[in-house]
mmCIF file of all heavy atoms, coordinates in Angstrom:
data_MODEL
# 
_entry.id   MODEL 
# 
loop_
_atom_site.group_PDB 
_atom_site.id 
_atom_site.type_symbol 
_atom_site.label_atom_id 
_atom_site.label_alt_id 
_atom_site.label_comp_id 
_atom_site.label_asym_id 
_atom_site.label_entity_id 
_atom_site.label_seq_id 
_atom_site.pdbx_PDB_ins_code 
_atom_site.Cartn_x 
_atom_site.Cartn_y 
_atom_site.Cartn_z 
_atom_site.occupancy 
_atom_site.B_iso_or_equiv 
_atom_site.pdbx_formal_charge 
_atom_site.auth_seq_id 
_atom_site.auth_comp_id 
_atom_site.auth_asym_id 
_atom_site.auth_atom_id 
_atom_site.pdbx_PDB_model_num 
ATOM 1   N N   . ASP A 1 1  ? 0.860  -1.231 0.001  1.00 0.00 ? 1  ASP A N   1 
ATOM 2   C CA  . ASP A 1 1  ? 0.020  -0.051 -0.001 1.00 0.00 ? 1  ASP A CA  1 
ATOM 3   C C   . ASP A 1 1  ? 0.904  1.236  0.077  1.00 0.00 ? 1  ASP A C   1 
ATOM 4   O O   . ASP A 1 1  ? 2.069  1.183  0.040  1.00 0.00 ? 1  ASP A O   1 
ATOM 5   C CB  . ASP A 1 1  ? -0.953 -0.056 1.330  1.00 0.00 ? 1  ASP A CB  1 
ATOM 6   C CG  . ASP A 1 1  ? -2.058 -0.975 1.095  1.00 0.00 ? 1  ASP A CG  1 
ATOM 7   O OD1 . ASP A 1 1  ? -2.271 -1.457 -0.073 1.00 0.00 ? 1  ASP A OD1 1 
ATOM 8   O OD2 . ASP A 1 1  ? -2.847 -1.241 1.976  1.00 0.00 ? 1  ASP A OD2 1 
ATOM 9   N N   . SER A 1 2  ? 0.192  2.363  -0.009 1.00 0.00 ? 2  SER A N   1 
ATOM 10  C CA  . SER A 1 2  ? 0.855  3.657  -0.067 1.00 0.00 ? 2  SER A CA  1 
ATOM 11  C C   . SER A 1 2  ? 0.292  4.593  1.109  1.00 0.00 ? 2  SER A C   1 
ATOM 12  O O   . SER A 1 2  ? -0.863 4.443  1.454  1.00 0.00 ? 2  SER A O   1 
ATOM 13  C CB  . SER A 1 2  ? 0.640  4.391  -1.444 1.00 0.00 ? 2  SER A CB  1 
ATOM 14  O OG  . SER A 1 2  ? 1.128  3.671  -2.460 1.00 0.00 ? 2  SER A OG  1 
ATOM 15  N N   . LEU A 1 3  ? 1.148  5.440  1.442  1.00 0.00 ? 3  LEU A N   1 
ATOM 16  C CA  . LEU A 1 3  ? 0.787  6.552  2.424  1.00 0.00 ? 3  LEU A CA  1 
ATOM 17  C C   . LEU A 1 3  ? 1.509  7.840  2.119  1.00 0.00 ? 3  LEU A C   1 
ATOM 18  O O   . LEU A 1 3  ? 2.700  7.808  1.435  1.00 0.00 ? 3  LEU A O   1 
ATOM 19  C CB  . LEU A 1 3  ? 1.160  6.194  3.831  1.00 0.00 ? 3  LEU A CB  1 
ATOM 20  C CG  . LEU A 1 3  ? 0.260  5.242  4.635  1.00 0.00 ? 3  LEU A CG  1 
ATOM 21  C CD1 . LEU A 1 3  ? 0.982  4.861  5.952  1.00 0.00 ? 3  LEU A CD1 1 
ATOM 22  C CD2 . LEU A 1 3  ? -1.048 5.831  4.831  1.00 0.00 ? 3  LEU A CD2 1 
ATOM 23  N N   . ARG A 1 4  ? 1.002  8.882  2.396  1.00 0.00 ? 4  ARG A N   1 
ATOM 24  C CA  . ARG A 1 4  ? 1.643  10.264 2.234  1.00 0.00 ? 4  ARG A CA  1 
ATOM 25  C C   . ARG A 1 4  ? 1.726  10.997 3.595  1.00 0.00 ? 4  ARG A C   1 
ATOM 26  O O   . ARG A 1 4  ? 0.592  11.216 4.073  1.00 0.00 ? 4  ARG A O   1 
ATOM 27  C CB  . ARG A 1 4  ? 0.868  11.033 1.131  1.00 0.00 ? 4  ARG A CB  1 
ATOM 28  C CG  . ARG A 1 4  ? 1.485  12.317 0.807  1.00 0.00 ? 4  ARG A CG  1 
ATOM 29  C CD  . ARG A 1 4  ? 0.592  13.204 -0.018 1.00 0.00 ? 4  ARG A CD  1 
ATOM 30  N NE  . ARG A 1 4  ? 1.284  14.320 -0.720 1.00 0.00 ? 4  ARG A NE  1 
ATOM 31  C CZ  . ARG A 1 4  ? 0.803  15.497 -0.878 1.00 0.00 ? 4  ARG A CZ  1 
ATOM 32  N NH1 . ARG A 1 4  ? -0.344 15.704 -0.345 1.00 0.00 ? 4  ARG A NH1 1 
ATOM 33  N NH2 . ARG A 1 4  ? 1.554  16.463 -1.440 1.00 0.00 ? 4  ARG A NH2 1 
ATOM 34  N N   . LEU A 1 5  ? 2.876  11.203 4.034  1.00 0.00 ? 5  LEU A N   1 
ATOM 35  C CA  . LEU A 1 5  ? 3.029  11.973 5.254  1.00 0.00 ? 5  LEU A CA  1 
ATOM 36  C C   . LEU A 1 5  ? 3.231  13.408 4.933  1.00 0.00 ? 5  LEU A C   1 
ATOM 37  O O   . LEU A 1 5  ? 3.768  13.782 3.908  1.00 0.00 ? 5  LEU A O   1 
ATOM 38  C CB  . LEU A 1 5  ? 4.325  11.409 5.857  1.00 0.00 ? 5  LEU A CB  1 
ATOM 39  C CG  . LEU A 1 5  ? 4.347  9.960  6.229  1.00 0.00 ? 5  LEU A CG  1 
ATOM 40  C CD1 . LEU A 1 5  ? 5.664  9.681  7.049  1.00 0.00 ? 5  LEU A CD1 1 
ATOM 41  C CD2 . LEU A 1 5  ? 3.184  9.500  7.106  1.00 0.00 ? 5  LEU A CD2 1 
ATOM 42  N N   . SER A 1 6  ? 2.695  14.252 5.757  1.00 0.00 ? 6  SER A N   1 
ATOM 43  C CA  . SER A 1 6  ? 2.621  15.654 5.603  1.00 0.00 ? 6  SER A CA  1 
ATOM 44  C C   . SER A 1 6  ? 3.368  16.233 6.847  1.00 0.00 ? 6  SER A C   1 
ATOM 45  O O   . SER A 1 6  ? 3.293  15.798 7.859  1.00 0.00 ? 6  SER A O   1 
ATOM 46  C CB  . SER A 1 6  ? 1.360  16.190 5.367  1.00 0.00 ? 6  SER A CB  1 
ATOM 47  O OG  . SER A 1 6  ? 0.694  15.707 4.323  1.00 0.00 ? 6  SER A OG  1 
ATOM 48  N N   . CYS A 1 7  ? 4.032  17.399 6.616  1.00 0.00 ? 7  CYS A N   1 
ATOM 49  C CA  . CYS A 1 7  ? 4.710  17.998 7.823  1.00 0.00 ? 7  CYS A CA  1 
ATOM 50  C C   . CYS A 1 7  ? 4.608  19.614 7.489  1.00 0.00 ? 7  CYS A C   1 
ATOM 51  O O   . CYS A 1 7  ? 4.866  20.129 6.428  1.00 0.00 ? 7  CYS A O   1 
ATOM 52  C CB  . CYS A 1 7  ? 6.072  17.734 7.905  1.00 0.00 ? 7  CYS A CB  1 
ATOM 53  S SG  . CYS A 1 7  ? 7.011  18.794 9.079  1.00 0.00 ? 7  CYS A SG  1 
ATOM 54  N N   . VAL A 1 8  ? 3.919  20.246 8.412  1.00 0.00 ? 8  VAL A N   1 
ATOM 55  C CA  . VAL A 1 8  ? 3.656  21.682 8.295  1.00 0.00 ? 8  VAL A CA  1 
ATOM 56  C C   . VAL A 1 8  ? 4.625  22.442 9.334  1.00 0.00 ? 8  VAL A C   1 
ATOM 57  O O   . VAL A 1 8  ? 4.526  22.131 10.477 1.00 0.00 ? 8  VAL A O   1 
ATOM 58  C CB  . VAL A 1 8  ? 2.286  22.153 8.516  1.00 0.00 ? 8  VAL A CB  1 
ATOM 59  C CG1 . VAL A 1 8  ? 2.050  23.619 8.318  1.00 0.00 ? 8  VAL A CG1 1 
ATOM 60  C CG2 . VAL A 1 8  ? 1.381  21.437 7.484  1.00 0.00 ? 8  VAL A CG2 1 
ATOM 61  N N   . ALA A 1 9  ? 5.336  23.453 8.903  1.00 0.00 ? 9  ALA A N   1 
ATOM 62  C CA  . ALA A 1 9  ? 6.237  24.106 9.802  1.00 0.00 ? 9  ALA A CA  1 
ATOM 63  C C   . ALA A 1 9  ? 5.670  25.549 9.974  1.00 0.00 ? 9  ALA A C   1 
ATOM 64  O O   . ALA A 1 9  ? 5.059  26.217 9.067  1.00 0.00 ? 9  ALA A O   1 
ATOM 65  C CB  . ALA A 1 9  ? 7.641  24.232 9.081  1.00 0.00 ? 9  ALA A CB  1 
ATOM 66  N N   . SER A 1 10 ? 5.882  26.059 11.256 1.00 0.00 ? 10 SER A N   1 
ATOM 67  C CA  . SER A 1 10 ? 5.500  27.471 11.607 1.00 0.00 ? 10 SER A CA  1 
ATOM 68  C C   . SER A 1 10 ? 6.660  27.998 12.370 1.00 0.00 ? 10 SER A C   1 
ATOM 69  O O   . SER A 1 10 ? 7.471  27.348 12.822 1.00 0.00 ? 10 SER A O   1 
ATOM 70  C CB  . SER A 1 10 ? 4.160  27.414 12.331 1.00 0.00 ? 10 SER A CB  1 
ATOM 71  O OG  . SER A 1 10 ? 4.368  26.623 13.640 1.00 0.00 ? 10 SER A OG  1 
ATOM 72  N N   . GLY A 1 11 ? 6.624  29.365 12.289 1.00 0.00 ? 11 GLY A N   1 
ATOM 73  C CA  . GLY A 1 11 ? 7.676  30.117 13.055 1.00 0.00 ? 11 GLY A CA  1 
ATOM 74  C C   . GLY A 1 11 ? 8.981  30.241 12.398 1.00 0.00 ? 11 GLY A C   1 
ATOM 75  O O   . GLY A 1 11 ? 10.053 30.298 13.096 1.00 0.00 ? 11 GLY A O   1 
ATOM 76  N N   . ARG A 1 12 ? 8.990  30.063 11.042 1.00 0.00 ? 12 ARG A N   1 
ATOM 77  C CA  . ARG A 1 12 ? 10.311 30.011 10.401 1.00 0.00 ? 12 ARG A CA  1 
ATOM 78  C C   . ARG A 1 12 ? 10.505 31.258 9.494  1.00 0.00 ? 12 ARG A C   1 
ATOM 79  O O   . ARG A 1 12 ? 11.224 31.234 8.538  1.00 0.00 ? 12 ARG A O   1 
ATOM 80  C CB  . ARG A 1 12 ? 10.333 28.815 9.448  1.00 0.00 ? 12 ARG A CB  1 
ATOM 81  C CG  . ARG A 1 12 ? 9.147  28.696 8.569  1.00 0.00 ? 12 ARG A CG  1 
ATOM 82  C CD  . ARG A 1 12 ? 9.233  27.310 7.838  1.00 0.00 ? 12 ARG A CD  1 
ATOM 83  N NE  . ARG A 1 12 ? 10.115 27.206 6.672  1.00 0.00 ? 12 ARG A NE  1 
ATOM 84  C CZ  . ARG A 1 12 ? 10.371 26.184 5.917  1.00 0.00 ? 12 ARG A CZ  1 
ATOM 85  N NH1 . ARG A 1 12 ? 9.758  25.121 6.267  1.00 0.00 ? 12 ARG A NH1 1 
ATOM 86  N NH2 . ARG A 1 12 ? 11.158 26.297 4.928  1.00 0.00 ? 12 ARG A NH2 1 
ATOM 87  N N   . ALA A 1 13 ? 9.922  32.382 9.909  1.00 0.00 ? 13 ALA A N   1 
ATOM 88  C CA  . ALA A 1 13 ? 10.103 33.588 9.114  1.00 0.00 ? 13 ALA A CA  1 
ATOM 89  C C   . ALA A 1 13 ? 11.611 34.039 9.051  1.00 0.00 ? 13 ALA A C   1 
ATOM 90  O O   . ALA A 1 13 ? 12.290 33.912 9.994  1.00 0.00 ? 13 ALA A O   1 
ATOM 91  C CB  . ALA A 1 13 ? 9.272  34.681 9.672  1.00 0.00 ? 13 ALA A CB  1 
ATOM 92  N N   . PHE A 1 14 ? 12.056 34.474 7.852  1.00 0.00 ? 14 PHE A N   1 
ATOM 93  C CA  . PHE A 1 14 ? 13.259 35.143 7.612  1.00 0.00 ? 14 PHE A CA  1 
ATOM 94  C C   . PHE A 1 14 ? 14.457 34.156 7.821  1.00 0.00 ? 14 PHE A C   1 
ATOM 95  O O   . PHE A 1 14 ? 15.629 34.567 7.840  1.00 0.00 ? 14 PHE A O   1 
ATOM 96  C CB  . PHE A 1 14 ? 13.492 36.305 8.566  1.00 0.00 ? 14 PHE A CB  1 
ATOM 97  C CG  . PHE A 1 14 ? 12.348 37.281 8.497  1.00 0.00 ? 14 PHE A CG  1 
ATOM 98  C CD1 . PHE A 1 14 ? 11.650 37.539 9.729  1.00 0.00 ? 14 PHE A CD1 1 
ATOM 99  C CD2 . PHE A 1 14 ? 11.989 37.874 7.376  1.00 0.00 ? 14 PHE A CD2 1 
ATOM 100 C CE1 . PHE A 1 14 ? 10.522 38.462 9.665  1.00 0.00 ? 14 PHE A CE1 1 
ATOM 101 C CE2 . PHE A 1 14 ? 10.977 38.766 7.383  1.00 0.00 ? 14 PHE A CE2 1 
ATOM 102 C CZ  . PHE A 1 14 ? 10.220 39.031 8.501  1.00 0.00 ? 14 PHE A CZ  1 
ATOM 103 N N   . ARG A 1 15 ? 14.122 32.860 7.766  1.00 0.00 ? 15 ARG A N   1 
ATOM 104 C CA  . ARG A 1 15 ? 15.257 31.895 7.847  1.00 0.00 ? 15 ARG A CA  1 
ATOM 105 C C   . ARG A 1 15 ? 15.048 30.872 6.766  1.00 0.00 ? 15 ARG A C   1 
ATOM 106 O O   . ARG A 1 15 ? 13.920 30.850 6.177  1.00 0.00 ? 15 ARG A O   1 
ATOM 107 C CB  . ARG A 1 15 ? 15.348 31.167 9.181  1.00 0.00 ? 15 ARG A CB  1 
ATOM 108 C CG  . ARG A 1 15 ? 15.354 32.072 10.419 1.00 0.00 ? 15 ARG A CG  1 
ATOM 109 C CD  . ARG A 1 15 ? 16.629 32.845 10.526 1.00 0.00 ? 15 ARG A CD  1 
ATOM 110 N NE  . ARG A 1 15 ? 17.732 31.935 10.790 1.00 0.00 ? 15 ARG A NE  1 
ATOM 111 C CZ  . ARG A 1 15 ? 19.086 32.453 10.968 1.00 0.00 ? 15 ARG A CZ  1 
ATOM 112 N NH1 . ARG A 1 15 ? 19.233 33.770 10.800 1.00 0.00 ? 15 ARG A NH1 1 
ATOM 113 N NH2 . ARG A 1 15 ? 20.071 31.619 11.171 1.00 0.00 ? 15 ARG A NH2 1 
ATOM 114 N N   . ARG A 1 16 ? 16.118 30.178 6.405  1.00 0.00 ? 16 ARG A N   1 
ATOM 115 C CA  . ARG A 1 16 ? 15.981 29.122 5.356  1.00 0.00 ? 16 ARG A CA  1 
ATOM 116 C C   . ARG A 1 16 ? 16.257 27.731 6.007  1.00 0.00 ? 16 ARG A C   1 
ATOM 117 O O   . ARG A 1 16 ? 17.209 27.599 6.747  1.00 0.00 ? 16 ARG A O   1 
ATOM 118 C CB  . ARG A 1 16 ? 16.928 29.352 4.275  1.00 0.00 ? 16 ARG A CB  1 
ATOM 119 C CG  . ARG A 1 16 ? 16.817 30.649 3.543  1.00 0.00 ? 16 ARG A CG  1 
ATOM 120 C CD  . ARG A 1 16 ? 17.487 30.845 2.263  1.00 0.00 ? 16 ARG A CD  1 
ATOM 121 N NE  . ARG A 1 16 ? 18.910 30.474 2.376  1.00 0.00 ? 16 ARG A NE  1 
ATOM 122 C CZ  . ARG A 1 16 ? 19.746 30.670 1.289  1.00 0.00 ? 16 ARG A CZ  1 
ATOM 123 N NH1 . ARG A 1 16 ? 19.260 30.982 0.223  1.00 0.00 ? 16 ARG A NH1 1 
ATOM 124 N NH2 . ARG A 1 16 ? 21.038 30.329 1.496  1.00 0.00 ? 16 ARG A NH2 1 
ATOM 125 N N   . TYR A 1 17 ? 15.391 26.817 5.720  1.00 0.00 ? 17 TYR A N   1 
ATOM 126 C CA  . TYR A 1 17 ? 15.470 25.482 6.354  1.00 0.00 ? 17 TYR A CA  1 
ATOM 127 C C   . TYR A 1 17 ? 15.369 24.413 5.313  1.00 0.00 ? 17 TYR A C   1 
ATOM 128 O O   . TYR A 1 17 ? 14.662 24.433 4.309  1.00 0.00 ? 17 TYR A O   1 
ATOM 129 C CB  . TYR A 1 17 ? 14.319 25.218 7.297  1.00 0.00 ? 17 TYR A CB  1 
ATOM 130 C CG  . TYR A 1 17 ? 14.354 26.105 8.495  1.00 0.00 ? 17 TYR A CG  1 
ATOM 131 C CD1 . TYR A 1 17 ? 13.693 27.427 8.394  1.00 0.00 ? 17 TYR A CD1 1 
ATOM 132 C CD2 . TYR A 1 17 ? 15.029 25.885 9.626  1.00 0.00 ? 17 TYR A CD2 1 
ATOM 133 C CE1 . TYR A 1 17 ? 13.744 28.310 9.533  1.00 0.00 ? 17 TYR A CE1 1 
ATOM 134 C CE2 . TYR A 1 17 ? 15.059 26.724 10.725 1.00 0.00 ? 17 TYR A CE2 1 
ATOM 135 C CZ  . TYR A 1 17 ? 14.407 27.995 10.644 1.00 0.00 ? 17 TYR A CZ  1 
ATOM 136 O OH  . TYR A 1 17 ? 14.393 28.678 11.764 1.00 0.00 ? 17 TYR A OH  1 
ATOM 137 N N   . ALA A 1 18 ? 16.361 23.492 5.462  1.00 0.00 ? 18 ALA A N   1 
ATOM 138 C CA  . ALA A 1 18 ? 16.347 22.247 4.693  1.00 0.00 ? 18 ALA A CA  1 
ATOM 139 C C   . ALA A 1 18 ? 15.399 21.309 5.595  1.00 0.00 ? 18 ALA A C   1 
ATOM 140 O O   . ALA A 1 18 ? 15.443 21.424 6.843  1.00 0.00 ? 18 ALA A O   1 
ATOM 141 C CB  . ALA A 1 18 ? 17.661 21.617 4.542  1.00 0.00 ? 18 ALA A CB  1 
ATOM 142 N N   . MET A 1 19 ? 14.684 20.440 4.921  1.00 0.00 ? 19 MET A N   1 
ATOM 143 C CA  . MET A 1 19 ? 13.754 19.553 5.611  1.00 0.00 ? 19 MET A CA  1 
ATOM 144 C C   . MET A 1 19 ? 14.066 18.093 5.485  1.00 0.00 ? 19 MET A C   1 
ATOM 145 O O   . MET A 1 19 ? 14.582 17.722 4.384  1.00 0.00 ? 19 MET A O   1 
ATOM 146 C CB  . MET A 1 19 ? 12.308 19.813 5.144  1.00 0.00 ? 19 MET A CB  1 
ATOM 147 C CG  . MET A 1 19 ? 11.894 21.271 5.307  1.00 0.00 ? 19 MET A CG  1 
ATOM 148 S SD  . MET A 1 19 ? 11.830 21.827 7.009  1.00 0.00 ? 19 MET A SD  1 
ATOM 149 C CE  . MET A 1 19 ? 10.409 20.777 7.607  1.00 0.00 ? 19 MET A CE  1 
ATOM 150 N N   . GLY A 1 20 ? 13.818 17.303 6.404  1.00 0.00 ? 20 GLY A N   1 
ATOM 151 C CA  . GLY A 1 20 ? 14.101 15.867 6.420  1.00 0.00 ? 20 GLY A CA  1 
ATOM 152 C C   . GLY A 1 20 ? 13.083 15.017 7.051  1.00 0.00 ? 20 GLY A C   1 
ATOM 153 O O   . GLY A 1 20 ? 12.344 15.451 7.849  1.00 0.00 ? 20 GLY A O   1 
ATOM 154 N N   . TRP A 1 21 ? 13.091 13.761 6.711  1.00 0.00 ? 21 TRP A N   1 
ATOM 155 C CA  . TRP A 1 21 ? 12.335 12.819 7.392  1.00 0.00 ? 21 TRP A CA  1 
ATOM 156 C C   . TRP A 1 21 ? 13.239 11.741 7.936  1.00 0.00 ? 21 TRP A C   1 
ATOM 157 O O   . TRP A 1 21 ? 14.149 11.196 7.337  1.00 0.00 ? 21 TRP A O   1 
ATOM 158 C CB  . TRP A 1 21 ? 11.220 12.069 6.405  1.00 0.00 ? 21 TRP A CB  1 
ATOM 159 C CG  . TRP A 1 21 ? 10.229 12.989 5.884  1.00 0.00 ? 21 TRP A CG  1 
ATOM 160 C CD1 . TRP A 1 21 ? 10.041 13.675 4.830  1.00 0.00 ? 21 TRP A CD1 1 
ATOM 161 C CD2 . TRP A 1 21 ? 8.942  13.190 6.665  1.00 0.00 ? 21 TRP A CD2 1 
ATOM 162 N NE1 . TRP A 1 21 ? 8.988  14.463 4.779  1.00 0.00 ? 21 TRP A NE1 1 
ATOM 163 C CE2 . TRP A 1 21 ? 8.196  14.112 5.905  1.00 0.00 ? 21 TRP A CE2 1 
ATOM 164 C CE3 . TRP A 1 21 ? 8.400  12.666 7.906  1.00 0.00 ? 21 TRP A CE3 1 
ATOM 165 C CZ2 . TRP A 1 21 ? 6.942  14.397 6.261  1.00 0.00 ? 21 TRP A CZ2 1 
ATOM 166 C CZ3 . TRP A 1 21 ? 7.116  13.144 8.226  1.00 0.00 ? 21 TRP A CZ3 1 
ATOM 167 C CH2 . TRP A 1 21 ? 6.468  13.998 7.460  1.00 0.00 ? 21 TRP A CH2 1 
ATOM 168 N N   . PHE A 1 22 ? 12.960 11.351 9.245  1.00 0.00 ? 22 PHE A N   1 
ATOM 169 C CA  . PHE A 1 22 ? 13.636 10.303 9.980  1.00 0.00 ? 22 PHE A CA  1 
ATOM 170 C C   . PHE A 1 22 ? 12.606 9.234  10.420 1.00 0.00 ? 22 PHE A C   1 
ATOM 171 O O   . PHE A 1 22 ? 11.463 9.627  10.493 1.00 0.00 ? 22 PHE A O   1 
ATOM 172 C CB  . PHE A 1 22 ? 14.532 10.906 11.094 1.00 0.00 ? 22 PHE A CB  1 
ATOM 173 C CG  . PHE A 1 22 ? 15.665 11.739 10.651 1.00 0.00 ? 22 PHE A CG  1 
ATOM 174 C CD1 . PHE A 1 22 ? 15.388 13.077 10.056 1.00 0.00 ? 22 PHE A CD1 1 
ATOM 175 C CD2 . PHE A 1 22 ? 16.918 11.346 10.855 1.00 0.00 ? 22 PHE A CD2 1 
ATOM 176 C CE1 . PHE A 1 22 ? 16.476 13.812 9.849  1.00 0.00 ? 22 PHE A CE1 1 
ATOM 177 C CE2 . PHE A 1 22 ? 18.004 12.117 10.434 1.00 0.00 ? 22 PHE A CE2 1 
ATOM 178 C CZ  . PHE A 1 22 ? 17.736 13.427 9.872  1.00 0.00 ? 22 PHE A CZ  1 
ATOM 179 N N   . ARG A 1 23 ? 13.126 8.153  10.853 1.00 0.00 ? 23 ARG A N   1 
ATOM 180 C CA  . ARG A 1 23 ? 12.214 7.224  11.405 1.00 0.00 ? 23 ARG A CA  1 
ATOM 181 C C   . ARG A 1 23 ? 12.896 6.304  12.441 1.00 0.00 ? 23 ARG A C   1 
ATOM 182 O O   . ARG A 1 23 ? 14.102 6.181  12.461 1.00 0.00 ? 23 ARG A O   1 
ATOM 183 C CB  . ARG A 1 23 ? 11.628 6.222  10.297 1.00 0.00 ? 23 ARG A CB  1 
ATOM 184 C CG  . ARG A 1 23 ? 12.599 5.296  9.636  1.00 0.00 ? 23 ARG A CG  1 
ATOM 185 C CD  . ARG A 1 23 ? 12.028 4.524  8.522  1.00 0.00 ? 23 ARG A CD  1 
ATOM 186 N NE  . ARG A 1 23 ? 12.928 3.603  7.837  1.00 0.00 ? 23 ARG A NE  1 
ATOM 187 C CZ  . ARG A 1 23 ? 12.782 2.877  6.812  1.00 0.00 ? 23 ARG A CZ  1 
ATOM 188 N NH1 . ARG A 1 23 ? 11.506 2.930  6.168  1.00 0.00 ? 23 ARG A NH1 1 
ATOM 189 N NH2 . ARG A 1 23 ? 13.594 2.112  6.280  1.00 0.00 ? 23 ARG A NH2 1 
ATOM 190 N N   . GLN A 1 24 ? 12.033 5.737  13.373 1.00 0.00 ? 24 GLN A N   1 
ATOM 191 C CA  . GLN A 1 24 ? 12.534 4.949  14.379 1.00 0.00 ? 24 GLN A CA  1 
ATOM 192 C C   . GLN A 1 24 ? 11.649 3.819  14.557 1.00 0.00 ? 24 GLN A C   1 
ATOM 193 O O   . GLN A 1 24 ? 10.411 3.883  14.967 1.00 0.00 ? 24 GLN A O   1 
ATOM 194 C CB  . GLN A 1 24 ? 12.664 5.681  15.783 1.00 0.00 ? 24 GLN A CB  1 
ATOM 195 C CG  . GLN A 1 24 ? 13.422 4.951  16.879 1.00 0.00 ? 24 GLN A CG  1 
ATOM 196 C CD  . GLN A 1 24 ? 13.721 5.740  18.087 1.00 0.00 ? 24 GLN A CD  1 
ATOM 197 O OE1 . GLN A 1 24 ? 13.241 6.840  18.209 1.00 0.00 ? 24 GLN A OE1 1 
ATOM 198 N NE2 . GLN A 1 24 ? 14.582 5.192  18.852 1.00 0.00 ? 24 GLN A NE2 1 
ATOM 199 N N   . GLY A 1 25 ? 12.115 2.619  14.091 1.00 0.00 ? 25 GLY A N   1 
ATOM 200 C CA  . GLY A 1 25 ? 11.481 1.274  14.306 1.00 0.00 ? 25 GLY A CA  1 
ATOM 201 C C   . GLY A 1 25 ? 11.470 0.721  15.592 1.00 0.00 ? 25 GLY A C   1 
ATOM 202 O O   . GLY A 1 25 ? 12.325 1.177  16.494 1.00 0.00 ? 25 GLY A O   1 
ATOM 203 N N   . PRO A 1 26 ? 10.728 -0.259 15.941 1.00 0.00 ? 26 PRO A N   1 
ATOM 204 C CA  . PRO A 1 26 ? 10.729 -0.890 17.240 1.00 0.00 ? 26 PRO A CA  1 
ATOM 205 C C   . PRO A 1 26 ? 12.146 -1.443 17.568 1.00 0.00 ? 26 PRO A C   1 
ATOM 206 O O   . PRO A 1 26 ? 12.640 -2.222 16.822 1.00 0.00 ? 26 PRO A O   1 
ATOM 207 C CB  . PRO A 1 26 ? 9.723  -2.061 17.042 1.00 0.00 ? 26 PRO A CB  1 
ATOM 208 C CG  . PRO A 1 26 ? 8.796  -1.689 15.896 1.00 0.00 ? 26 PRO A CG  1 
ATOM 209 C CD  . PRO A 1 26 ? 9.736  -0.745 14.978 1.00 0.00 ? 26 PRO A CD  1 
ATOM 210 N N   . GLY A 1 27 ? 12.649 -0.946 18.741 1.00 0.00 ? 27 GLY A N   1 
ATOM 211 C CA  . GLY A 1 27 ? 13.884 -1.535 19.182 1.00 0.00 ? 27 GLY A CA  1 
ATOM 212 C C   . GLY A 1 27 ? 15.081 -1.027 18.432 1.00 0.00 ? 27 GLY A C   1 
ATOM 213 O O   . GLY A 1 27 ? 16.215 -1.630 18.438 1.00 0.00 ? 27 GLY A O   1 
# 
């Protein structure tokens, strides 16, 4: 199957940000 994750950022005015996704599996 498929899923689409979304991430909304706030409070980032006047700066530049690279974005990433990380994950932590069981154990």
